[in-house]
């Protein structure tokens, strides 16, 4: 990344990272280990790995967005073991699987970043329009803004599973849960990035 920053006309105050599932976990690592390099990260259907939560980020504010489903069978909203068991055929689900690690709950991940950014204010809360009543989901959006300008945003996808909102049902619902169609997840991420800088 440093090579890219030196060789290309990059605005160093507007460097962002976004990832879905494993990519979202990677963005959490970037936010912790390279806080001074990024203005913001967005982690979708992922949260903070438990072992990474023991690490204190560098003392730079960083804006963070999470977009997680409360009924995700792979990355549990309430935290715990990350598991791909639901993706396997029914007979294979009884077989032992190697650990994919443990994660904090979405709420604890939000608290981690609020604490890092010294945010003590109450959130702005809104329930987004139910644009697709058939998808089995509703979205609650919460946003906290710190005195230093850092933002922490949560899209709580009530009834949502392991999928990027606004995209297709790429796997059966009994394997990954519902994919919310009330928003375009990537458009929301872009709007978030457009509001922040380092």
Protein backbone atom coordinates (compact mmCIF):
# COMPACT_ATOMS: atom_id res chain seq x y z
CA UNK A 1 0.00 0.00 0.00
CA UNK A 2 2.82 2.43 0.82
CA UNK A 3 4.22 1.94 -2.69
CA UNK A 4 0.82 2.78 -4.18
CA UNK A 5 0.53 5.91 -2.03
CA UNK A 6 3.95 7.09 -3.23
CA UNK A 7 3.49 6.29 -6.91
CA UNK A 8 -0.13 7.34 -7.51
CA UNK A 9 -1.98 10.63 -6.92
CA UNK A 10 -3.84 9.38 -3.84
CA UNK A 11 -5.47 11.71 -1.31
CA UNK A 12 -3.97 10.27 1.88
CA UNK A 13 -6.83 11.73 3.90
CA UNK A 14 -9.39 9.70 1.95
CA UNK A 15 -8.09 6.11 1.94
CA UNK A 16 -10.83 3.56 2.63
CA UNK A 17 -11.28 -0.21 2.86
CA UNK A 18 -14.45 -2.25 2.45
CA UNK A 19 -14.90 -6.00 2.76
CA UNK A 20 -17.63 -8.62 2.94
CA UNK A 21 -17.43 -11.67 5.26
CA UNK A 22 -13.72 -12.67 5.40
CA UNK A 23 -12.93 -9.37 3.69
CA UNK A 24 -14.84 -7.58 6.44
CA UNK A 25 -12.75 -9.31 9.11
CA UNK A 26 -9.66 -8.21 7.19
CA UNK A 27 -10.93 -4.61 7.21
CA UNK A 28 -11.23 -4.83 11.00
CA UNK A 29 -7.56 -5.89 11.11
CA UNK A 30 -6.59 -2.96 8.89
CA UNK A 31 -8.53 -0.59 11.16
CA UNK A 32 -6.72 -1.89 14.25
CA UNK A 33 -3.21 -2.30 12.85
CA UNK A 34 -3.11 0.57 10.31
CA UNK A 35 -5.38 3.11 11.95
CA UNK A 36 -3.08 5.92 10.87
CA UNK A 37 -3.39 4.96 7.16
CA UNK A 38 -7.18 4.83 6.72
CA UNK A 39 -9.94 7.40 7.04
CA UNK A 40 -12.62 4.71 7.33
CA UNK A 41 -13.41 1.03 6.92
CA UNK A 42 -16.67 -0.76 6.23
CA UNK A 43 -17.14 -4.35 7.41
CA UNK A 44 -20.14 -6.21 6.05
CA UNK A 45 -21.43 -9.46 7.62
CA UNK A 46 -18.38 -9.53 9.89
CA UNK A 47 -17.20 -8.10 13.19
CA UNK A 48 -14.06 -7.85 15.29
CA UNK A 49 -12.16 -11.13 15.81
CA UNK A 50 -11.82 -11.93 19.53
CA UNK A 51 -8.01 -12.13 19.49
CA UNK A 52 -7.76 -8.83 17.62
CA UNK A 53 -9.96 -7.14 20.23
CA UNK A 54 -7.05 -7.49 22.70
CA UNK A 55 -4.97 -5.14 20.53
CA UNK A 56 -5.11 -1.41 21.09
CA UNK A 57 -5.16 0.56 17.82
CA UNK A 58 -2.79 3.45 17.17
CA UNK A 59 -4.14 6.68 18.67
CA UNK A 60 -5.75 8.00 15.48
CA UNK A 61 -9.50 8.36 15.02
CA UNK A 62 -11.00 6.14 12.31
CA UNK A 63 -14.57 5.92 11.10
CA UNK A 64 -16.12 2.45 11.04
CA UNK A 65 -19.31 1.06 9.47
CA UNK A 66 -20.81 -2.35 10.25
CA UNK A 67 -23.67 -3.94 8.31
CA UNK A 68 -24.73 -7.21 9.97
CA UNK A 69 -27.73 -9.52 9.97
CA UNK A 70 -29.26 -10.64 13.26
CA UNK A 71 -29.99 -14.10 11.79
CA UNK A 72 -26.62 -14.75 10.15
CA UNK A 73 -25.86 -18.51 10.56
CA UNK A 74 -22.16 -18.05 9.69
CA UNK A 75 -21.03 -14.93 11.57
CA UNK A 76 -23.24 -14.76 14.67
CA UNK A 77 -24.59 -11.29 15.45
CA UNK A 78 -24.27 -12.09 19.16
CA UNK A 79 -20.65 -13.18 18.73
CA UNK A 80 -18.99 -16.55 19.19
CA UNK A 81 -17.76 -19.23 16.82
CA UNK A 82 -17.69 -18.40 13.10
CA UNK A 83 -18.96 -21.48 11.28
CA UNK A 84 -19.60 -22.61 7.72
CA UNK A 85 -21.59 -25.63 8.92
CA UNK A 86 -24.87 -24.29 7.48
CA UNK A 87 -23.31 -24.22 4.00
CA UNK A 88 -22.66 -27.96 4.00
CA UNK A 89 -25.10 -30.64 2.83
CA UNK A 90 -27.21 -31.92 5.76
CA UNK A 91 -25.26 -35.19 6.17
CA UNK A 92 -21.92 -33.40 6.27
CA UNK A 93 -23.04 -30.97 8.99
CA UNK A 94 -22.40 -33.63 11.66
CA UNK A 95 -18.73 -33.95 10.71
CA UNK A 96 -16.08 -32.15 12.78
CA UNK A 97 -14.88 -28.88 11.26
CA UNK A 98 -11.71 -26.94 11.93
CA UNK A 99 -12.23 -23.69 13.79
CA UNK A 100 -12.71 -20.53 11.76
CA UNK A 101 -12.13 -18.40 14.84
CA UNK A 102 -14.34 -16.47 17.20
CA UNK A 103 -15.69 -12.95 16.91
CA UNK A 104 -17.08 -10.33 19.23
CA UNK A 105 -20.76 -9.56 18.99
CA UNK A 106 -21.74 -6.74 16.66
CA UNK A 107 -22.70 -4.60 19.67
CA UNK A 108 -19.33 -5.18 21.38
CA UNK A 109 -17.53 -4.36 18.13
CA UNK A 110 -19.44 -1.08 17.95
CA UNK A 111 -18.51 -0.33 21.58
CA UNK A 112 -14.84 -1.07 20.81
CA UNK A 113 -14.78 1.55 18.05
CA UNK A 114 -16.83 4.09 20.00
CA UNK A 115 -14.35 3.77 22.86
CA UNK A 116 -11.37 4.10 20.50
CA UNK A 117 -12.88 7.24 18.95
CA UNK A 118 -13.83 8.67 22.38
CA UNK A 119 -17.51 8.83 21.39
CA UNK A 120 -19.87 9.31 24.31
CA UNK A 121 -22.84 10.91 22.55
CA UNK A 122 -26.16 9.21 21.95
CA UNK A 123 -26.74 7.78 18.47
CA UNK A 124 -29.00 9.10 15.77
CA UNK A 125 -31.43 6.19 15.21
CA UNK A 126 -33.69 5.55 12.24
CA UNK A 127 -35.72 2.63 10.89
CA UNK A 128 -35.23 2.53 7.14
CA UNK A 129 -38.17 2.14 4.76
CA UNK A 130 -39.32 -1.45 4.21
CA UNK A 131 -38.87 -1.40 0.43
CA UNK A 132 -39.27 -5.17 0.05
CA UNK A 133 -41.80 -6.60 2.53
CA UNK A 134 -41.17 -10.08 1.09
CA UNK A 135 -37.49 -10.30 2.09
CA UNK A 136 -38.14 -10.96 5.80
CA UNK A 137 -35.90 -8.08 6.93
CA UNK A 138 -36.03 -4.59 8.39
CA UNK A 139 -33.07 -2.27 8.97
CA UNK A 140 -32.29 -0.12 11.97
CA UNK A 141 -29.52 2.41 11.34
CA UNK A 142 -27.54 3.96 14.20
CA UNK A 143 -24.86 6.61 13.85
CA UNK A 144 -22.54 8.02 16.47
CA UNK A 145 -20.35 11.06 15.73
CA UNK A 146 -17.37 11.99 17.87
CA UNK A 147 -16.06 15.48 18.63
CA UNK A 148 -13.07 14.63 16.43
CA UNK A 149 -15.38 13.96 13.48
CA UNK A 150 -15.02 10.16 13.57
CA UNK A 151 -18.23 8.28 12.80
CA UNK A 152 -19.35 4.84 13.90
CA UNK A 153 -22.35 3.50 11.96
CA UNK A 154 -24.34 0.32 12.40
CA UNK A 155 -26.86 -1.12 9.95
CA UNK A 156 -28.64 -3.72 12.07
CA UNK A 157 -30.40 -5.95 9.56
CA UNK A 158 -33.17 -7.51 11.61
CA UNK A 159 -33.91 -10.95 10.18
CA UNK A 160 -30.97 -10.68 7.78
CA UNK A 161 -28.56 -13.50 7.02
CA UNK A 162 -25.10 -13.80 5.51
CA UNK A 163 -25.39 -11.58 2.46
CA UNK A 164 -24.73 -8.11 1.11
CA UNK A 165 -27.97 -6.10 1.18
CA UNK A 166 -29.36 -5.38 -2.24
CA UNK A 167 -27.68 -8.33 -3.92
CA UNK A 168 -29.09 -11.65 -5.09
CA UNK A 169 -29.94 -14.65 -2.91
CA UNK A 170 -26.71 -16.39 -3.95
CA UNK A 171 -27.33 -19.47 -1.78
CA UNK A 172 -30.60 -20.97 -0.44
CA UNK A 173 -32.18 -19.25 2.55
CA UNK A 174 -31.88 -22.40 4.65
CA UNK A 175 -28.09 -22.16 4.22
CA UNK A 176 -27.34 -18.42 4.57
CA UNK A 177 -30.60 -16.80 5.70
CA UNK A 178 -32.42 -13.83 4.14
CA UNK A 179 -30.69 -11.22 2.02
CA UNK A 180 -32.23 -7.82 2.66
CA UNK A 181 -33.44 -5.88 -0.36
CA UNK A 182 -34.37 -2.64 1.42
CA UNK A 183 -31.07 -0.92 0.57
CA UNK A 184 -28.15 -1.21 -1.81
CA UNK A 185 -25.38 -2.01 0.66
CA UNK A 186 -22.54 -0.71 -1.51
CA UNK A 187 -24.31 2.58 -2.18
CA UNK A 188 -24.71 3.06 1.57
CA UNK A 189 -21.00 2.33 2.07
CA UNK A 190 -20.04 4.87 -0.61
CA UNK A 191 -22.25 7.55 0.98
CA UNK A 192 -20.55 6.84 4.31
CA UNK A 193 -17.06 7.13 2.81
CA UNK A 194 -18.01 10.37 1.05
CA UNK A 195 -18.69 12.00 4.45
CA UNK A 196 -15.40 11.20 6.16
CA UNK A 197 -11.71 11.97 5.87
CA UNK A 198 -8.67 11.42 8.07
